[in-house]
Protein backbone atom coordinates (compact mmCIF):
# COMPACT_ATOMS: atom_id res chain seq x y z
CA MET A 1 37.13 224.81 -146.45
CA LYS A 2 37.60 223.17 -149.82
CA TYR A 3 39.69 220.48 -148.15
CA LYS A 4 36.90 219.59 -145.68
CA LEU A 5 34.31 219.50 -148.48
CA LYS A 6 36.48 217.18 -150.58
CA LEU A 7 37.06 214.92 -147.55
CA LYS A 8 33.32 214.74 -146.87
CA ILE A 9 32.53 213.92 -150.50
CA LEU A 10 35.25 211.26 -150.54
CA SER A 11 33.94 209.67 -147.31
CA ILE A 12 30.40 209.57 -148.70
CA THR A 13 31.67 208.03 -151.95
CA ILE A 14 33.62 205.35 -150.07
CA GLY A 15 30.57 204.59 -147.93
CA VAL A 16 28.31 204.24 -150.98
CA LEU A 17 30.81 201.94 -152.73
CA ALA A 18 31.20 199.79 -149.61
CA LEU A 19 27.43 199.47 -149.25
CA ALA A 20 27.15 198.56 -152.93
CA CYS A 21 29.76 195.81 -152.48
CA ILE A 22 27.98 194.40 -149.43
CA LEU A 23 24.61 194.41 -151.16
CA GLY A 24 26.21 192.86 -154.24
CA LEU A 25 27.55 190.00 -152.18
CA ILE A 26 24.26 189.47 -150.37
CA PHE A 27 22.10 189.53 -153.47
CA ASP A 28 24.55 187.95 -155.90
CA PRO A 29 22.46 185.42 -157.91
CA GLU A 30 25.04 182.63 -157.61
CA ARG A 31 25.31 183.07 -153.83
CA MET A 32 21.52 183.15 -153.51
CA VAL A 33 21.24 179.91 -155.46
CA THR A 34 23.88 178.31 -153.23
CA ARG A 35 22.00 179.30 -150.07
CA THR A 36 18.73 178.04 -151.52
CA ALA A 37 20.33 174.78 -152.66
CA ALA A 38 21.92 173.91 -149.30
CA TYR A 39 19.30 171.61 -147.91
CA SER A 40 18.79 168.46 -145.83
CA TRP A 41 15.79 166.16 -145.94
CA LEU A 42 15.83 165.14 -142.31
CA ASP A 43 16.98 166.96 -139.19
CA PRO A 44 19.72 164.95 -137.38
CA LYS A 45 18.04 165.40 -133.98
CA THR A 46 14.74 164.15 -135.38
CA ALA A 47 16.51 161.26 -137.11
CA ALA A 48 17.78 160.05 -133.72
CA SER A 49 14.19 159.16 -132.80
CA ALA A 50 13.60 157.01 -135.91
CA GLU A 51 12.02 153.64 -135.11
CA ILE A 52 10.88 152.32 -138.50
CA ILE A 53 12.08 153.02 -142.05
CA THR A 54 10.32 151.73 -145.14
CA ILE A 55 11.97 151.80 -148.56
CA THR A 56 9.56 151.14 -151.43
CA ASN A 57 10.04 150.90 -155.16
CA VAL A 58 7.94 149.40 -157.93
CA GLU A 59 9.28 145.91 -157.17
CA GLN A 60 9.40 145.58 -153.40
CA GLU A 61 9.33 147.11 -149.95
CA ILE A 62 12.07 146.85 -147.34
CA THR A 63 11.30 147.57 -143.69
CA LEU A 64 13.95 148.42 -141.11
CA ALA A 65 12.97 148.41 -137.44
CA ASN A 66 14.89 149.81 -134.48
CA ARG A 67 14.72 147.55 -131.41
CA ASN A 68 16.52 148.99 -128.38
CA ASN A 69 18.99 150.92 -130.56
CA THR A 70 19.67 147.92 -132.80
CA TRP A 71 18.34 147.80 -136.35
CA PHE A 72 16.68 144.74 -137.87
CA VAL A 73 15.33 143.91 -141.33
CA LEU A 74 11.72 142.71 -141.43
CA HIS A 75 11.21 140.34 -144.36
CA ASP A 76 8.74 137.52 -145.03
CA ASP A 77 7.33 137.85 -141.51
CA LYS A 78 10.76 137.31 -139.97
CA GLU A 79 13.23 139.61 -138.25
CA TYR A 80 16.87 139.51 -139.35
CA PRO A 81 19.89 141.39 -137.94
CA ALA A 82 20.66 144.44 -140.07
CA ARG A 83 24.03 145.87 -140.98
CA GLN A 84 24.18 148.67 -138.45
CA LEU A 85 26.82 150.62 -140.38
CA ARG A 86 24.76 150.54 -143.58
CA VAL A 87 21.67 151.81 -141.79
CA ALA A 88 23.73 154.55 -140.13
CA ASP A 89 25.18 155.58 -143.50
CA PHE A 90 21.72 155.66 -145.05
CA ILE A 91 20.36 157.90 -142.29
CA SER A 92 23.44 160.10 -142.68
CA VAL A 93 22.61 160.56 -146.38
CA LEU A 94 19.13 161.79 -145.43
CA THR A 95 20.41 164.21 -142.78
CA ARG A 96 23.41 165.51 -144.70
CA ARG A 97 23.20 169.13 -145.79
CA ALA A 98 24.04 169.28 -149.48
CA ALA A 99 23.26 171.11 -152.71
CA TYR A 100 19.66 170.33 -153.66
CA GLN A 101 18.53 173.07 -156.03
CA VAL A 102 14.85 173.84 -156.55
CA ARG A 103 13.76 172.76 -160.04
CA SER A 104 10.02 173.26 -159.93
CA ASN A 105 7.16 174.26 -157.66
CA SER A 106 4.45 173.02 -159.98
CA ILE A 107 2.45 169.84 -159.50
CA THR A 108 2.39 169.45 -163.27
CA ALA A 109 6.14 168.78 -163.27
CA HIS A 110 5.91 165.72 -161.00
CA GLU A 111 5.20 163.19 -163.73
CA ARG A 112 7.86 164.64 -166.04
CA LEU A 113 10.47 164.42 -163.25
CA GLY A 114 9.38 160.94 -162.17
CA LEU A 115 8.10 162.26 -158.85
CA ASP A 116 4.48 161.21 -159.04
CA GLU A 117 3.37 158.69 -156.43
CA ASN A 118 2.97 155.84 -158.92
CA SER A 119 6.49 155.85 -160.33
CA ALA A 120 8.81 157.33 -157.68
CA ALA A 121 10.65 155.31 -155.05
CA ARG A 122 9.58 156.25 -151.55
CA ILE A 123 11.35 156.51 -148.20
CA VAL A 124 9.20 156.88 -145.10
CA VAL A 125 10.80 157.36 -141.69
CA TYR A 126 8.61 156.91 -138.64
CA GLY A 127 9.34 158.12 -135.14
CA PRO A 128 7.68 157.14 -131.84
CA TYR A 129 4.02 156.07 -132.09
CA LYS A 130 4.57 155.69 -135.85
CA GLN A 131 4.59 159.43 -136.36
CA THR A 132 5.90 160.25 -139.85
CA ILE A 133 9.07 162.34 -139.63
CA LEU A 134 10.02 162.05 -143.31
CA ASP A 135 8.10 161.00 -146.41
CA LEU A 136 10.43 161.38 -149.38
CA LEU A 137 9.77 160.58 -153.04
CA VAL A 138 12.84 159.82 -155.16
CA GLY A 139 12.71 160.02 -158.93
CA PRO A 140 15.13 158.84 -161.62
CA GLY A 141 18.37 160.50 -162.62
CA ASP A 142 18.62 163.50 -164.88
CA VAL A 143 20.20 163.46 -168.34
CA THR A 144 23.71 163.59 -166.84
CA GLY A 145 23.14 160.43 -164.81
CA GLN A 146 24.76 162.11 -161.81
CA ASN A 147 21.80 163.87 -160.19
CA ILE A 148 18.33 162.74 -159.15
CA TYR A 149 15.04 164.49 -158.47
CA LEU A 150 13.39 164.44 -155.06
CA ARG A 151 10.45 165.95 -153.22
CA THR A 152 8.68 165.36 -149.94
CA PHE A 153 5.25 163.76 -150.22
CA ASP A 154 3.40 166.78 -148.80
CA SER A 155 5.14 169.36 -151.01
CA ASN A 156 5.04 170.27 -154.69
CA GLU A 157 8.60 171.61 -154.53
CA ALA A 158 10.94 169.41 -156.59
CA ARG A 159 14.69 169.56 -156.06
CA SER A 160 17.67 167.86 -157.64
CA GLY A 161 21.07 166.93 -156.30
CA GLU A 162 23.94 164.48 -156.47
CA ASP A 163 22.70 160.90 -156.51
CA ILE A 164 23.88 159.45 -153.21
CA ILE A 165 20.57 157.73 -152.41
CA SER A 166 19.73 155.35 -155.30
CA SER A 167 22.23 152.70 -154.21
CA TYR A 168 20.10 152.15 -151.11
CA LEU A 169 16.77 151.98 -152.94
CA PHE A 170 16.97 149.45 -155.72
CA THR A 171 18.42 146.39 -154.02
CA GLY A 172 16.74 143.48 -152.32
CA PRO A 173 16.94 142.90 -148.58
CA LYS A 174 20.22 140.99 -148.74
CA PRO A 175 22.57 144.05 -148.75
CA TRP A 176 20.84 145.17 -145.53
CA TYR A 177 21.42 141.85 -143.75
CA ASN A 178 24.18 141.44 -141.22
CA LEU A 179 25.22 137.95 -142.30
CA ARG A 180 28.06 137.60 -139.79
CA LEU A 181 27.67 134.29 -137.96
CA ILE A 182 28.56 136.32 -134.87
CA PRO A 183 26.69 139.60 -135.50
CA GLU A 184 28.52 141.57 -132.78
CA THR A 185 31.71 141.59 -134.84
CA GLU A 186 30.12 143.85 -137.49
CA ALA A 187 30.42 146.86 -135.19
CA ASP A 188 33.66 145.70 -133.49
CA GLN A 189 31.81 144.79 -130.29
CA LEU A 190 33.65 141.48 -130.23
CA ASP A 191 37.28 141.18 -131.30
CA ILE A 192 39.98 138.55 -131.06
CA ASP A 193 41.39 139.94 -127.79
CA LYS A 194 38.25 138.74 -126.01
CA VAL A 195 38.67 135.12 -127.13
CA GLN A 196 40.19 132.76 -124.57
CA ARG A 197 39.64 129.44 -126.30
CA LEU A 198 38.32 128.24 -129.65
CA SER A 199 37.49 124.58 -130.18
CA VAL A 200 36.42 122.77 -133.35
CA TYR A 201 34.54 119.50 -132.80
CA TYR A 202 34.16 117.03 -135.68
CA PRO A 203 31.80 114.07 -136.07
CA ALA A 204 33.09 110.51 -135.82
CA ASP A 205 34.89 109.19 -138.89
CA GLU A 206 33.58 106.54 -141.30
CA THR A 207 34.53 103.74 -138.89
CA GLY A 208 32.65 105.36 -136.01
CA THR A 209 35.84 106.41 -134.25
CA ASP A 210 35.71 109.73 -132.40
CA VAL A 211 37.89 112.49 -133.80
CA ASP A 212 39.82 114.64 -131.36
CA ALA A 213 38.80 118.29 -131.31
CA GLN A 214 41.12 121.06 -132.49
CA ILE A 215 41.58 123.33 -129.46
CA PHE A 216 43.30 126.73 -129.57
CA THR A 217 43.92 128.24 -126.12
CA ARG A 218 45.17 131.73 -125.35
CA LYS A 219 48.62 131.88 -123.73
CA GLY A 220 49.32 135.54 -122.97
CA ARG A 221 49.47 137.25 -126.36
CA GLN A 222 49.95 133.93 -128.16
CA TRP A 223 48.19 130.60 -128.57
CA THR A 224 48.65 126.90 -127.91
CA PHE A 225 47.25 124.18 -130.15
CA ASN A 226 46.53 120.73 -128.74
CA ARG A 227 47.63 118.96 -131.93
CA LEU A 228 51.02 120.63 -132.44
CA ASN A 229 53.96 121.53 -130.23
CA ASP A 230 54.49 125.25 -129.66
CA ALA A 231 57.78 125.09 -131.57
CA GLU A 232 55.92 123.84 -134.67
CA LEU A 233 53.07 126.32 -134.42
CA ASP A 234 52.77 129.33 -136.72
CA MET A 235 51.16 131.92 -134.43
CA SER A 236 50.28 134.25 -137.31
CA LYS A 237 48.24 131.50 -138.98
CA VAL A 238 46.37 130.73 -135.75
CA THR A 239 45.59 134.41 -135.20
CA ALA A 240 44.40 134.79 -138.80
CA TYR A 241 42.24 131.68 -138.44
CA ILE A 242 40.52 132.78 -135.22
CA ARG A 243 39.89 136.21 -136.71
CA SER A 244 38.41 134.59 -139.84
CA VAL A 245 35.98 132.57 -137.69
CA LEU A 246 34.86 135.72 -135.88
CA MET A 247 34.35 137.52 -139.20
CA SER A 248 32.78 134.58 -141.06
CA GLU A 249 29.55 135.28 -142.96
CA GLY A 250 26.77 133.36 -144.58
CA GLU A 251 25.76 133.85 -148.20
CA ASP A 252 22.17 134.52 -147.18
CA TYR A 253 19.55 133.50 -144.66
CA SER A 254 17.82 130.25 -145.58
CA ASP A 255 14.48 128.53 -145.07
CA GLU A 256 15.72 125.28 -146.60
CA ILE A 257 16.20 123.56 -143.25
CA LEU A 258 15.17 124.27 -139.66
CA SER A 259 17.63 125.30 -136.97
CA ASN A 260 16.99 122.04 -135.06
CA ASP A 261 17.56 119.81 -138.09
CA PRO A 262 19.62 116.67 -137.21
CA ARG A 263 22.09 117.64 -139.94
CA PHE A 264 23.50 120.22 -137.50
CA ASN A 265 24.77 117.35 -135.31
CA ASN A 266 27.91 117.52 -137.38
CA ILE A 267 30.60 120.14 -136.79
CA ARG A 268 30.52 122.76 -134.07
CA ILE A 269 32.88 125.63 -133.33
CA VAL A 270 32.85 126.74 -129.70
CA ILE A 271 34.23 130.19 -128.83
CA GLU A 272 34.87 130.89 -125.14
CA LEU A 273 35.23 134.54 -124.15
CA GLY A 274 36.96 136.22 -121.23
CA ASN A 275 33.63 137.24 -119.69
CA SER A 276 32.60 133.54 -119.47
CA ASP A 277 30.22 133.92 -122.43
CA ILE A 278 30.23 131.03 -124.90
CA LYS A 279 29.20 131.25 -128.55
CA THR A 280 28.73 128.15 -130.67
CA ILE A 281 28.46 127.84 -134.44
CA PHE A 282 26.90 124.62 -135.74
CA ILE A 283 27.73 123.61 -139.32
CA SER A 284 25.51 121.09 -141.06
CA ALA A 285 26.55 118.04 -143.00
CA PRO A 286 26.41 118.63 -146.78
CA ASP A 287 23.07 118.01 -148.48
CA ASP A 288 22.61 116.18 -151.79
CA GLU A 289 23.92 119.22 -153.63
CA GLU A 290 26.93 119.57 -151.29
CA LYS A 291 25.38 122.67 -149.75
CA GLN A 292 26.08 123.39 -146.08
CA TYR A 293 24.32 125.60 -143.56
CA ALA A 294 25.13 127.17 -140.21
CA VAL A 295 23.21 128.17 -137.11
CA ARG A 296 24.52 129.81 -133.97
CA SER A 297 23.63 129.32 -130.34
CA GLY A 298 20.83 131.54 -129.05
CA SER A 299 19.26 131.99 -132.49
CA ASN A 300 16.99 130.02 -134.81
CA LEU A 301 18.23 131.81 -137.94
CA VAL A 302 19.83 129.54 -140.52
CA TYR A 303 22.63 130.77 -142.80
CA SER A 304 23.54 129.23 -146.14
CA LEU A 305 27.32 128.92 -146.52
CA SER A 306 29.50 129.23 -149.59
CA ASN A 307 32.00 126.42 -150.16
CA TRP A 308 34.94 128.79 -149.80
CA MET A 309 33.65 129.98 -146.40
CA VAL A 310 33.45 126.39 -145.14
CA PHE A 311 37.00 125.74 -146.33
CA ARG A 312 38.20 128.94 -144.65
CA ILE A 313 36.92 128.04 -141.19
CA LEU A 314 37.76 124.32 -141.29
CA ASN A 315 41.44 123.44 -141.69
CA SER A 316 43.72 120.45 -141.26
CA ASP A 317 46.30 120.43 -138.47
CA ASP A 318 49.12 120.99 -140.94
CA HIS A 319 47.61 124.31 -141.98
CA TYR A 320 48.89 125.80 -138.69
CA ARG A 321 52.37 124.31 -138.94
CA LEU A 322 55.39 126.53 -139.54
CA ASP A 323 56.57 126.36 -143.14
């Protein structure tokens, strides 16, 4: 009888201790803070319907617009191709579940944390019919310089977390621009394997004599060049050159000249693809300050070019010769 009583008491004791452990884990302050801190500002499914994003700080406003699943930057009443990967990364930051701990629920703390409407940066994401799906205020960093304060516009609750947002907020429009002369290459929609021929046409020389074009033609996995024999041709240099043309970028978009300016009757690079599509890059003659510009077929956007970019996509015949 004593044995059964001891066994019963022991079982009850074990049960009480087990329950205490479970409750301790559930209500442990550190674990509760972790659960409370795990937070995302925008639901990924909702983010998929985003059509317009505005990013505003005290200096400027940047507007991103989604047109048929392609993002553009709206600036100075014009629409410019956006860097799709940058926009995707930015949306990922907003949807990512991370540690954002609650710091205050009081409206009086907003000014102290830099979260009042007059001083905070603001991100507004609109869905269909311009329905607001996120209105986020972003304050400055804390004393460590590693975390920032945030709150949604319609809430007094202020949170803080690792600063992975500020790098998107305090830049001009230029970092958002896709400045590739052939925008499709930014997302690997067009690679060198699709190129069948690339031709570079030059203007007549000083005497008015026509200059023969440089023509690179695909030959299986290699290339031919109309100005050198195959035995003299360095295939690796040709491949690197064609890839550099595909990946070439402007410094910025420019309003200095129009896309139909006669200065573009200068150099043109014609890229013929396997699907019969043809893309042409027109490079202007230098202006009085030796500045050159580019425009591509099918677009009226003008790119300003750095000198090193011009040198990279225009080479002498000997550049492709075997050493």
